[in-house]
Amino acid sequence: MNQKEIEKQIIEQFQQDEEMMILVFAQWCVNHDLDPMEVYLKAYPDQLPNARLQAMIQLAVPKHESEEIADATLLGVLDLYGNTDLADVIQQEIRMLSQKQNQQKRSY
């Protein structure tokens, strides 16, 4: 393999890994009854709709068909790709979901 082919392979692998990160994010949102695009736009309000995110949303399965994705797993993956703004929004969502669950437990 020459240098150009190696660079191309590295870029392609990075893009595949990044798409997996996007899918993990989208599936986590679906699993928590959140709209992935809405959550994304909270973190990046000045960006146009993200075509790769839209594609990964289409690949997400319904909540009842999905394995659970731990909050820490999602936050770790987002951190790995430098999506700190999105990770901050996810942490806010986690706090709100936790508060909502606590309120529901008290009402029983």
PDB file of N, CA and C in Angstrom:
ATOM      1  N   MET A   1       0.848  -1.184   0.000  1.00  0.00           N
ATOM      2  CA  MET A   1       0.000   0.000   0.000  1.00  0.00           C
ATOM      3  C   MET A   1       0.889   1.241   0.000  1.00  0.00           C
ATOM      4  N   ASN A   2       0.514   2.181  -0.815  1.00  0.00           N
ATOM      5  CA  ASN A   2       1.276   3.439  -0.801  1.00  0.00           C
ATOM      6  C   ASN A   2       0.665   4.405   0.214  1.00  0.00           C
ATOM      7  N   GLN A   3       1.320   5.512   0.417  1.00  0.00           N
ATOM      8  CA  GLN A   3       0.901   6.492   1.436  1.00  0.00           C
ATOM      9  C   GLN A   3      -0.521   6.995   1.189  1.00  0.00           C
ATOM     10  N   LYS A   4      -0.849   7.245  -0.065  1.00  0.00           N
ATOM     11  CA  LYS A   4      -2.179   7.763  -0.412  1.00  0.00           C
ATOM     12  C   LYS A   4      -3.272   6.750  -0.044  1.00  0.00           C
ATOM     13  N   GLU A   5      -3.035   5.478  -0.325  1.00  0.00           N
ATOM     14  CA  GLU A   5      -4.011   4.434  -0.008  1.00  0.00           C
ATOM     15  C   GLU A   5      -4.182   4.281   1.500  1.00  0.00           C
ATOM     16  N   ILE A   6      -3.087   4.373   2.226  1.00  0.00           N
ATOM     17  CA  ILE A   6      -3.144   4.277   3.686  1.00  0.00           C
ATOM     18  C   ILE A   6      -3.954   5.430   4.263  1.00  0.00           C
ATOM     19  N   GLU A   7      -3.706   6.639   3.768  1.00  0.00           N
ATOM     20  CA  GLU A   7      -4.468   7.809   4.223  1.00  0.00           C
ATOM     21  C   GLU A   7      -5.940   7.649   3.920  1.00  0.00           C
ATOM     22  N   LYS A   8      -6.253   7.159   2.733  1.00  0.00           N
ATOM     23  CA  LYS A   8      -7.651   6.957   2.342  1.00  0.00           C
ATOM     24  C   LYS A   8      -8.323   5.940   3.265  1.00  0.00           C
ATOM     25  N   GLN A   9      -7.621   4.864   3.579  1.00  0.00           N
ATOM     26  CA  GLN A   9      -8.170   3.835   4.457  1.00  0.00           C
ATOM     27  C   GLN A   9      -8.403   4.383   5.870  1.00  0.00           C
ATOM     28  N   ILE A  10      -7.478   5.188   6.350  1.00  0.00           N
ATOM     29  CA  ILE A  10      -7.631   5.782   7.684  1.00  0.00           C
ATOM     30  C   ILE A  10      -8.840   6.705   7.717  1.00  0.00           C
ATOM     31  N   ILE A  11      -9.003   7.515   6.691  1.00  0.00           N
ATOM     32  CA  ILE A  11     -10.145   8.437   6.621  1.00  0.00           C
ATOM     33  C   ILE A  11     -11.452   7.663   6.570  1.00  0.00           C
ATOM     34  N   GLU A  12     -11.490   6.613   5.748  1.00  0.00           N
ATOM     35  CA  GLU A  12     -12.713   5.811   5.640  1.00  0.00           C
ATOM     36  C   GLU A  12     -13.061   5.146   6.971  1.00  0.00           C
ATOM     37  N   GLN A  13     -12.053   4.638   7.676  1.00  0.00           N
ATOM     38  CA  GLN A  13     -12.295   4.001   8.973  1.00  0.00           C
ATOM     39  C   GLN A  13     -12.815   5.019   9.983  1.00  0.00           C
ATOM     40  N   PHE A  14     -12.226   6.211   9.982  1.00  0.00           N
ATOM     41  CA  PHE A  14     -12.679   7.273  10.886  1.00  0.00           C
ATOM     42  C   PHE A  14     -14.139   7.620  10.598  1.00  0.00           C
ATOM     43  N   GLN A  15     -14.486   7.738   9.315  1.00  0.00           N
ATOM     44  CA  GLN A  15     -15.862   8.080   8.958  1.00  0.00           C
ATOM     45  C   GLN A  15     -16.830   6.981   9.381  1.00  0.00           C
ATOM     46  N   GLN A  16     -16.441   5.721   9.240  1.00  0.00           N
ATOM     47  CA  GLN A  16     -17.300   4.617   9.674  1.00  0.00           C
ATOM     48  C   GLN A  16     -17.490   4.659  11.191  1.00  0.00           C
ATOM     49  N   ASP A  17     -16.399   4.902  11.905  1.00  0.00           N
ATOM     50  CA  ASP A  17     -16.477   4.987  13.359  1.00  0.00           C
ATOM     51  C   ASP A  17     -17.343   6.164  13.793  1.00  0.00           C
ATOM     52  N   GLU A  18     -17.211   7.277  13.083  1.00  0.00           N
ATOM     53  CA  GLU A  18     -18.019   8.454  13.400  1.00  0.00           C
ATOM     54  C   GLU A  18     -19.496   8.173  13.164  1.00  0.00           C
ATOM     55  N   GLU A  19     -19.813   7.439  12.103  1.00  0.00           N
ATOM     56  CA  GLU A  19     -21.206   7.072  11.848  1.00  0.00           C
ATOM     57  C   GLU A  19     -21.737   6.168  12.947  1.00  0.00           C
ATOM     58  N   MET A  20     -20.885   5.290  13.466  1.00  0.00           N
ATOM     59  CA  MET A  20     -21.309   4.432  14.579  1.00  0.00           C
ATOM     60  C   MET A  20     -21.607   5.289  15.808  1.00  0.00           C
ATOM     61  N   MET A  21     -20.784   6.299  16.056  1.00  0.00           N
ATOM     62  CA  MET A  21     -21.023   7.213  17.178  1.00  0.00           C
ATOM     63  C   MET A  21     -22.365   7.918  16.997  1.00  0.00           C
ATOM     64  N   ILE A  22     -22.656   8.345  15.784  1.00  0.00           N
ATOM     65  CA  ILE A  22     -23.922   9.027  15.506  1.00  0.00           C
ATOM     66  C   ILE A  22     -25.091   8.071  15.724  1.00  0.00           C
ATOM     67  N   LEU A  23     -24.927   6.827  15.297  1.00  0.00           N
ATOM     68  CA  LEU A  23     -25.991   5.837  15.492  1.00  0.00           C
ATOM     69  C   LEU A  23     -26.208   5.556  16.975  1.00  0.00           C
ATOM     70  N   VAL A  24     -25.133   5.456  17.749  1.00  0.00           N
ATOM     71  CA  VAL A  24     -25.262   5.243  19.199  1.00  0.00           C
ATOM     72  C   VAL A  24     -26.033   6.410  19.814  1.00  0.00           C
ATOM     73  N   PHE A  25     -25.698   7.629  19.400  1.00  0.00           N
ATOM     74  CA  PHE A  25     -26.408   8.816  19.892  1.00  0.00           C
ATOM     75  C   PHE A  25     -27.891   8.750  19.522  1.00  0.00           C
ATOM     76  N   ALA A  26     -28.176   8.478  18.255  1.00  0.00           N
ATOM     77  CA  ALA A  26     -29.573   8.437  17.797  1.00  0.00           C
ATOM     78  C   ALA A  26     -30.360   7.357  18.539  1.00  0.00           C
ATOM     79  N   GLN A  27     -29.749   6.171  18.706  1.00  0.00           N
ATOM     80  CA  GLN A  27     -30.452   5.084  19.387  1.00  0.00           C
ATOM     81  C   GLN A  27     -30.676   5.407  20.855  1.00  0.00           C
ATOM     82  N   TRP A  28     -29.698   6.023  21.509  1.00  0.00           N
ATOM     83  CA  TRP A  28     -29.869   6.421  22.912  1.00  0.00           C
ATOM     84  C   TRP A  28     -31.064   7.358  23.032  1.00  0.00           C
ATOM     85  N   CYS A  29     -31.155   8.313  22.118  1.00  0.00           N
ATOM     86  CA  CYS A  29     -32.284   9.256  22.144  1.00  0.00           C
ATOM     87  C   CYS A  29     -33.610   8.515  21.981  1.00  0.00           C
ATOM     88  N   VAL A  30     -33.681   7.638  20.994  1.00  0.00           N
ATOM     89  CA  VAL A  30     -34.909   6.864  20.769  1.00  0.00           C
ATOM     90  C   VAL A  30     -35.262   6.067  22.029  1.00  0.00           C
ATOM     91  N   ASN A  31     -34.259   5.468  22.637  1.00  0.00           N
ATOM     92  CA  ASN A  31     -34.496   4.661  23.843  1.00  0.00           C
ATOM     93  C   ASN A  31     -35.026   5.491  25.013  1.00  0.00           C
ATOM     94  N   HIS A  32     -34.779   6.794  24.978  1.00  0.00           N
ATOM     95  CA  HIS A  32     -35.229   7.682  26.053  1.00  0.00           C
ATOM     96  C   HIS A  32     -36.366   8.607  25.600  1.00  0.00           C
ATOM     97  N   ASP A  33     -37.030   8.213  24.506  1.00  0.00           N
ATOM     98  CA  ASP A  33     -38.177   8.960  23.975  1.00  0.00           C
ATOM     99  C   ASP A  33     -37.822  10.414  23.658  1.00  0.00           C
ATOM    100  N   LEU A  34     -36.620  10.622  23.143  1.00  0.00           N
ATOM    101  CA  LEU A  34     -36.176  11.952  22.738  1.00  0.00           C
ATOM    102  C   LEU A  34     -35.976  11.980  21.233  1.00  0.00           C
ATOM    103  N   ASP A  35     -36.192  13.127  20.644  1.00  0.00           N
ATOM    104  CA  ASP A  35     -35.969  13.311  19.210  1.00  0.00           C
ATOM    105  C   ASP A  35     -34.488  13.625  18.997  1.00  0.00           C
ATOM    106  N   PRO A  36     -33.742  12.735  18.322  1.00  0.00           N
ATOM    107  CA  PRO A  36     -32.307  12.963  18.152  1.00  0.00           C
ATOM    108  C   PRO A  36     -31.974  14.290  17.468  1.00  0.00           C
ATOM    109  N   MET A  37     -32.757  14.672  16.483  1.00  0.00           N
ATOM    110  CA  MET A  37     -32.488  15.925  15.773  1.00  0.00           C
ATOM    111  C   MET A  37     -32.707  17.117  16.701  1.00  0.00           C
ATOM    112  N   GLU A  38     -33.739  17.062  17.508  1.00  0.00           N
ATOM    113  CA  GLU A  38     -34.023  18.143  18.456  1.00  0.00           C
ATOM    114  C   GLU A  38     -32.889  18.279  19.482  1.00  0.00           C
ATOM    115  N   VAL A  39     -32.426  17.154  19.991  1.00  0.00           N
ATOM    116  CA  VAL A  39     -31.325  17.175  20.956  1.00  0.00           C
ATOM    117  C   VAL A  39     -30.064  17.724  20.294  1.00  0.00           C
ATOM    118  N   TYR A  40     -29.790  17.268  19.086  1.00  0.00           N
ATOM    119  CA  TYR A  40     -28.610  17.725  18.346  1.00  0.00           C
ATOM    120  C   TYR A  40     -28.654  19.239  18.138  1.00  0.00           C
ATOM    121  N   LEU A  41     -29.825  19.746  17.767  1.00  0.00           N
ATOM    122  CA  LEU A  41     -29.950  21.183  17.502  1.00  0.00           C
ATOM    123  C   LEU A  41     -29.835  22.023  18.773  1.00  0.00           C
ATOM    124  N   LYS A  42     -30.099  21.430  19.935  1.00  0.00           N
ATOM    125  CA  LYS A  42     -29.857  22.151  21.193  1.00  0.00           C
ATOM    126  C   LYS A  42     -28.365  22.407  21.360  1.00  0.00           C
ATOM    127  N   ALA A  43     -27.557  21.446  20.943  1.00  0.00           N
ATOM    128  CA  ALA A  43     -26.102  21.571  21.069  1.00  0.00           C
ATOM    129  C   ALA A  43     -25.515  22.437  19.963  1.00  0.00           C
ATOM    130  N   TYR A  44     -26.082  22.333  18.782  1.00  0.00           N
ATOM    131  CA  TYR A  44     -25.542  23.034  17.612  1.00  0.00           C
ATOM    132  C   TYR A  44     -26.658  23.797  16.890  1.00  0.00           C
ATOM    133  N   PRO A  45     -27.198  24.835  17.528  1.00  0.00           N
ATOM    134  CA  PRO A  45     -28.367  25.529  16.965  1.00  0.00           C
ATOM    135  C   PRO A  45     -28.094  26.255  15.648  1.00  0.00           C
ATOM    136  N   ASP A  46     -26.862  26.583  15.365  1.00  0.00           N
ATOM    137  CA  ASP A  46     -26.554  27.330  14.144  1.00  0.00           C
ATOM    138  C   ASP A  46     -26.237  26.435  12.959  1.00  0.00           C
ATOM    139  N   GLN A  47     -26.264  25.130  13.150  1.00  0.00           N
ATOM    140  CA  GLN A  47     -25.952  24.221  12.057  1.00  0.00           C
ATOM    141  C   GLN A  47     -27.215  23.832  11.299  1.00  0.00           C
ATOM    142  N   LEU A  48     -27.019  23.594  10.014  1.00  0.00           N
ATOM    143  CA  LEU A  48     -28.110  23.087   9.188  1.00  0.00           C
ATOM    144  C   LEU A  48     -28.361  21.631   9.565  1.00  0.00           C
ATOM    145  N   PRO A  49     -29.537  21.117   9.228  1.00  0.00           N
ATOM    146  CA  PRO A  49     -29.800  19.704   9.520  1.00  0.00           C
ATOM    147  C   PRO A  49     -28.674  18.827   8.972  1.00  0.00           C
ATOM    148  N   ASN A  50     -28.247  17.884   9.771  1.00  0.00           N
ATOM    149  CA  ASN A  50     -27.121  17.031   9.481  1.00  0.00           C
ATOM    150  C   ASN A  50     -27.594  15.789   8.714  1.00  0.00           C
ATOM    151  N   ALA A  51     -27.148  15.647   7.467  1.00  0.00           N
ATOM    152  CA  ALA A  51     -27.589  14.535   6.621  1.00  0.00           C
ATOM    153  C   ALA A  51     -27.168  13.184   7.191  1.00  0.00           C
ATOM    154  N   ARG A  52     -25.974  13.118   7.760  1.00  0.00           N
ATOM    155  CA  ARG A  52     -25.519  11.841   8.336  1.00  0.00           C
ATOM    156  C   ARG A  52     -26.350  11.485   9.563  1.00  0.00           C
ATOM    157  N   LEU A  53     -26.706  12.483  10.359  1.00  0.00           N
ATOM    158  CA  LEU A  53     -27.570  12.215  11.513  1.00  0.00           C
ATOM    159  C   LEU A  53     -28.928  11.721  11.033  1.00  0.00           C
ATOM    160  N   GLN A  54     -29.472  12.364  10.023  1.00  0.00           N
ATOM    161  CA  GLN A  54     -30.768  11.930   9.496  1.00  0.00           C
ATOM    162  C   GLN A  54     -30.706  10.484   9.011  1.00  0.00           C
ATOM    163  N   ALA A  55     -29.614  10.121   8.354  1.00  0.00           N
ATOM    164  CA  ALA A  55     -29.457   8.745   7.866  1.00  0.00           C
ATOM    165  C   ALA A  55     -29.367   7.764   9.035  1.00  0.00           C
ATOM    166  N   MET A  56     -28.643   8.126  10.084  1.00  0.00           N
ATOM    167  CA  MET A  56     -28.491   7.232  11.232  1.00  0.00           C
ATOM    168  C   MET A  56     -29.791   7.121  12.026  1.00  0.00           C
ATOM    169  N   ILE A  57     -30.578   8.194  12.060  1.00  0.00           N
ATOM    170  CA  ILE A  57     -31.890   8.138  12.722  1.00  0.00           C
ATOM    171  C   ILE A  57     -32.756   7.082  12.040  1.00  0.00           C
ATOM    172  N   GLN A  58     -32.651   7.009  10.719  1.00  0.00           N
ATOM    173  CA  GLN A  58     -33.422   6.014   9.974  1.00  0.00           C
ATOM    174  C   GLN A  58     -32.995   4.591  10.318  1.00  0.00           C
ATOM    175  N   LEU A  59     -31.739   4.419  10.735  1.00  0.00           N
ATOM    176  CA  LEU A  59     -31.237   3.089  11.080  1.00  0.00           C
ATOM    177  C   LEU A  59     -31.545   2.693  12.520  1.00  0.00           C
ATOM    178  N   ALA A  60     -31.913   3.645  13.347  1.00  0.00           N
ATOM    179  CA  ALA A  60     -32.244   3.339  14.741  1.00  0.00           C
ATOM    180  C   ALA A  60     -33.489   2.456  14.774  1.00  0.00           C
ATOM    181  N   VAL A  61     -33.485   1.535  15.709  1.00  0.00           N
ATOM    182  CA  VAL A  61     -34.621   0.620  15.838  1.00  0.00           C
ATOM    183  C   VAL A  61     -35.566   1.137  16.917  1.00  0.00           C
ATOM    184  N   PRO A  62     -36.804   0.667  16.925  1.00  0.00           N
ATOM    185  CA  PRO A  62     -37.727   1.079  17.988  1.00  0.00           C
ATOM    186  C   PRO A  62     -37.168   0.713  19.361  1.00  0.00           C
ATOM    187  N   LYS A  63     -37.565   1.479  20.324  1.00  0.00           N
ATOM    188  CA  LYS A  63     -37.079   1.330  21.706  1.00  0.00           C
ATOM    189  C   LYS A  63     -37.173  -0.112  22.207  1.00  0.00           C
ATOM    190  N   HIS A  64     -38.295  -0.769  21.944  1.00  0.00           N
ATOM    191  CA  HIS A  64     -38.505  -2.124  22.465  1.00  0.00           C
ATOM    192  C   HIS A  64     -37.622  -3.175  21.786  1.00  0.00           C
ATOM    193  N   GLU A  65     -37.000  -2.830  20.658  1.00  0.00           N
ATOM    194  CA  GLU A  65     -36.121  -3.765  19.955  1.00  0.00           C
ATOM    195  C   GLU A  65     -34.642  -3.529  20.264  1.00  0.00           C
ATOM    196  N   SER A  66     -34.350  -2.499  20.989  1.00  0.00           N
ATOM    197  CA  SER A  66     -32.967  -2.083  21.215  1.00  0.00           C
ATOM    198  C   SER A  66     -32.409  -2.596  22.530  1.00  0.00           C
ATOM    199  N   GLU A  67     -31.124  -2.827  22.520  1.00  0.00           N
ATOM    200  CA  GLU A  67     -30.397  -3.059  23.770  1.00  0.00           C
ATOM    201  C   GLU A  67     -30.268  -1.707  24.457  1.00  0.00           C
ATOM    202  N   GLU A  68     -30.131  -1.728  25.775  1.00  0.00           N
ATOM    203  CA  GLU A  68     -29.928  -0.474  26.492  1.00  0.00           C
ATOM    204  C   GLU A  68     -28.530   0.059  26.188  1.00  0.00           C
ATOM    205  N   ILE A  69     -28.435   1.359  26.054  1.00  0.00           N
ATOM    206  CA  ILE A  69     -27.148   2.031  25.887  1.00  0.00           C
ATOM    207  C   ILE A  69     -26.922   2.841  27.149  1.00  0.00           C
ATOM    208  N   ALA A  70     -25.888   2.488  27.870  1.00  0.00           N
ATOM    209  CA  ALA A  70     -25.603   3.173  29.135  1.00  0.00           C
ATOM    210  C   ALA A  70     -25.261   4.636  28.864  1.00  0.00           C
ATOM    211  N   ASP A  71     -25.703   5.495  29.780  1.00  0.00           N
ATOM    212  CA  ASP A  71     -25.409   6.927  29.648  1.00  0.00           C
ATOM    213  C   ASP A  71     -23.904   7.157  29.531  1.00  0.00           C
ATOM    214  N   ALA A  72     -23.131   6.455  30.358  1.00  0.00           N
ATOM    215  CA  ALA A  72     -21.678   6.621  30.355  1.00  0.00           C
ATOM    216  C   ALA A  72     -21.066   6.201  29.023  1.00  0.00           C
ATOM    217  N   THR A  73     -21.648   5.194  28.389  1.00  0.00           N
ATOM    218  CA  THR A  73     -21.152   4.758  27.082  1.00  0.00           C
ATOM    219  C   THR A  73     -21.332   5.858  26.057  1.00  0.00           C
ATOM    220  N   LEU A  74     -22.525   6.433  26.017  1.00  0.00           N
ATOM    221  CA  LEU A  74     -22.777   7.512  25.065  1.00  0.00           C
ATOM    222  C   LEU A  74     -21.861   8.698  25.340  1.00  0.00           C
ATOM    223  N   LEU A  75     -21.755   9.097  26.579  1.00  0.00           N
ATOM    224  CA  LEU A  75     -20.910  10.244  26.921  1.00  0.00           C
ATOM    225  C   LEU A  75     -19.448   9.971  26.562  1.00  0.00           C
ATOM    226  N   GLY A  76     -18.995   8.758  26.764  1.00  0.00           N
ATOM    227  CA  GLY A  76     -17.625   8.398  26.412  1.00  0.00           C
ATOM    228  C   GLY A  76     -17.379   8.462  24.918  1.00  0.00           C
ATOM    229  N   VAL A  77     -18.327   7.967  24.141  1.00  0.00           N
ATOM    230  CA  VAL A  77     -18.196   7.994  22.683  1.00  0.00           C
ATOM    231  C   VAL A  77     -18.213   9.437  22.180  1.00  0.00           C
ATOM    232  N   LEU A  78     -19.101  10.247  22.715  1.00  0.00           N
ATOM    233  CA  LEU A  78     -19.149  11.652  22.303  1.00  0.00           C
ATOM    234  C   LEU A  78     -17.843  12.360  22.649  1.00  0.00           C
ATOM    235  N   ASP A  79     -17.313  12.067  23.817  1.00  0.00           N
ATOM    236  CA  ASP A  79     -16.049  12.674  24.233  1.00  0.00           C
ATOM    237  C   ASP A  79     -14.908  12.245  23.312  1.00  0.00           C
ATOM    238  N   LEU A  80     -14.904  10.990  22.925  1.00  0.00           N
ATOM    239  CA  LEU A  80     -13.872  10.459  22.044  1.00  0.00           C
ATOM    240  C   LEU A  80     -13.802  11.230  20.730  1.00  0.00           C
ATOM    241  N   TYR A  81     -14.941  11.684  20.246  1.00  0.00           N
ATOM    242  CA  TYR A  81     -14.996  12.424  18.986  1.00  0.00           C
ATOM    243  C   TYR A  81     -15.062  13.933  19.186  1.00  0.00           C
ATOM    244  N   GLY A  82     -14.857  14.396  20.406  1.00  0.00           N
ATOM    245  CA  GLY A  82     -14.793  15.830  20.654  1.00  0.00           C
ATOM    246  C   GLY A  82     -16.121  16.549  20.600  1.00  0.00           C
ATOM    247  N   ASN A  83     -17.214  15.817  20.773  1.00  0.00           N
ATOM    248  CA  ASN A  83     -18.550  16.425  20.757  1.00  0.00           C
ATOM    249  C   ASN A  83     -18.946  16.874  22.154  1.00  0.00           C
ATOM    250  N   THR A  84     -18.171  17.793  22.702  1.00  0.00           N
ATOM    251  CA  THR A  84     -18.414  18.219  24.087  1.00  0.00           C
ATOM    252  C   THR A  84     -19.719  18.996  24.228  1.00  0.00           C
ATOM    253  N   ASP A  85     -20.082  19.784  23.227  1.00  0.00           N
ATOM    254  CA  ASP A  85     -21.343  20.524  23.308  1.00  0.00           C
ATOM    255  C   ASP A  85     -22.526  19.557  23.364  1.00  0.00           C
ATOM    256  N   LEU A  86     -22.467  18.532  22.534  1.00  0.00           N
ATOM    257  CA  LEU A  86     -23.539  17.540  22.529  1.00  0.00           C
ATOM    258  C   LEU A  86     -23.533  16.743  23.831  1.00  0.00           C
ATOM    259  N   ALA A  87     -22.356  16.418  24.337  1.00  0.00           N
ATOM    260  CA  ALA A  87     -22.261  15.702  25.616  1.00  0.00           C
ATOM    261  C   ALA A  87     -22.864  16.534  26.741  1.00  0.00           C
ATOM    262  N   ASP A  88     -22.655  17.848  26.722  1.00  0.00           N
ATOM    263  CA  ASP A  88     -23.249  18.722  27.737  1.00  0.00           C
ATOM    264  C   ASP A  88     -24.774  18.678  27.671  1.00  0.00           C
ATOM    265  N   VAL A  89     -25.311  18.705  26.469  1.00  0.00           N
ATOM    266  CA  VAL A  89     -26.768  18.642  26.305  1.00  0.00           C
ATOM    267  C   VAL A  89     -27.287  17.283  26.779  1.00  0.00           C
ATOM    268  N   ILE A  90     -26.570  16.223  26.464  1.00  0.00           N
ATOM    269  CA  ILE A  90     -26.973  14.883  26.908  1.00  0.00           C
ATOM    270  C   ILE A  90     -26.978  14.820  28.434  1.00  0.00           C
ATOM    271  N   GLN A  91     -25.971  15.399  29.079  1.00  0.00           N
ATOM    272  CA  GLN A  91     -25.945  15.401  30.540  1.00  0.00           C
ATOM    273  C   GLN A  91     -27.161  16.143  31.107  1.00  0.00           C
ATOM    274  N   GLN A  92     -27.556  17.225  30.472  1.00  0.00           N
ATOM    275  CA  GLN A  92     -28.761  17.943  30.902  1.00  0.00           C
ATOM    276  C   GLN A  92     -29.999  17.048  30.738  1.00  0.00           C
ATOM    277  N   GLU A  93     -30.067  16.354  29.612  1.00  0.00           N
ATOM    278  CA  GLU A  93     -31.202  15.460  29.360  1.00  0.00           C
ATOM    279  C   GLU A  93     -31.232  14.334  30.397  1.00  0.00           C
ATOM    280  N   ILE A  94     -30.065  13.803  30.736  1.00  0.00           N
ATOM    281  CA  ILE A  94     -29.991  12.735  31.739  1.00  0.00           C
ATOM    282  C   ILE A  94     -30.521  13.241  33.077  1.00  0.00           C
ATOM    283  N   ARG A  95     -30.120  14.453  33.461  1.00  0.00           N
ATOM    284  CA  ARG A  95     -30.618  15.029  34.723  1.00  0.00           C
ATOM    285  C   ARG A  95     -32.137  15.196  34.687  1.00  0.00           C
ATOM    286  N   MET A  96     -32.664  15.700  33.571  1.00  0.00           N
ATOM    287  CA  MET A  96     -34.115  15.895  33.462  1.00  0.00           C
ATOM    288  C   MET A  96     -34.848  14.560  33.500  1.00  0.00           C
ATOM    289  N   LEU A  97     -34.305  13.546  32.823  1.00  0.00           N
ATOM    290  CA  LEU A  97     -34.930  12.221  32.844  1.00  0.00           C
ATOM    291  C   LEU A  97     -34.909  11.634  34.245  1.00  0.00           C
ATOM    292  N   SER A  98     -33.811  11.837  34.952  1.00  0.00           N
ATOM    293  CA  SER A  98     -33.696  11.344  36.322  1.00  0.00           C
ATOM    294  C   SER A  98     -34.705  12.023  37.241  1.00  0.00           C
ATOM    295  N   GLN A  99     -34.844  13.327  37.105  1.00  0.00           N
ATOM    296  CA  GLN A  99     -35.823  14.068  37.905  1.00  0.00           C
ATOM    297  C   GLN A  99     -37.237  13.590  37.603  1.00  0.00           C
ATOM    298  N   LYS A 100     -37.508  13.350  36.340  1.00  0.00           N
ATOM    299  CA  LYS A 100     -38.835  12.886  35.920  1.00  0.00           C
ATOM    300  C   LYS A 100     -39.132  11.506  36.529  1.00  0.00           C
ATOM    301  N   GLN A 101     -38.139  10.626  36.507  1.00  0.00           N
ATOM    302  CA  GLN A 101     -38.317   9.294  37.098  1.00  0.00           C
ATOM    303  C   GLN A 101     -38.537   9.390  38.600  1.00  0.00           C
ATOM    304  N   ASN A 102     -37.800  10.261  39.275  1.00  0.00           N
ATOM    305  CA  ASN A 102     -37.969  10.434  40.718  1.00  0.00           C
ATOM    306  C   ASN A 102     -39.359  10.954  41.058  1.00  0.00           C
ATOM    307  N   GLN A 103     -39.874  11.871  40.256  1.00  0.00           N
ATOM    308  CA  GLN A 103     -41.214  12.402  40.480  1.00  0.00           C
ATOM    309  C   GLN A 103     -42.264  11.312  40.289  1.00  0.00           C
ATOM    310  N   GLN A 104     -42.058  10.455  39.287  1.00  0.00           N
ATOM    311  CA  GLN A 104     -43.011   9.376  39.029  1.00  0.00           C
ATOM    312  C   GLN A 104     -43.006   8.382  40.175  1.00  0.00           C
ATOM    313  N   LYS A 105     -41.814   8.101  40.738  1.00  0.00           N
ATOM    314  CA  LYS A 105     -41.726   7.166  41.864  1.00  0.00           C
ATOM    315  C   LYS A 105     -42.460   7.716  43.081  1.00  0.00           C
ATOM    316  N   ARG A 106     -42.350   9.022  43.288  1.00  0.00           N
ATOM    317  CA  ARG A 106     -43.022   9.643  44.453  1.00  0.00           C
ATOM    318  C   ARG A 106     -44.534   9.636  44.327  1.00  0.00           C
ATOM    319  N   SER A 107     -45.022   9.663  43.091  1.00  0.00           N
ATOM    320  CA  SER A 107     -46.463   9.726  42.908  1.00  0.00           C
ATOM    321  C   SER A 107     -47.136   8.359  43.066  1.00  0.00           C
ATOM    322  N   TYR A 108     -46.323   7.296  43.163  1.00  0.00           N
ATOM    323  CA  TYR A 108     -46.892   5.939  43.348  1.00  0.00           C
ATOM    324  C   TYR A 108     -47.112   5.666  44.756  1.00  0.00           C
TER     325      TYR A 108
END
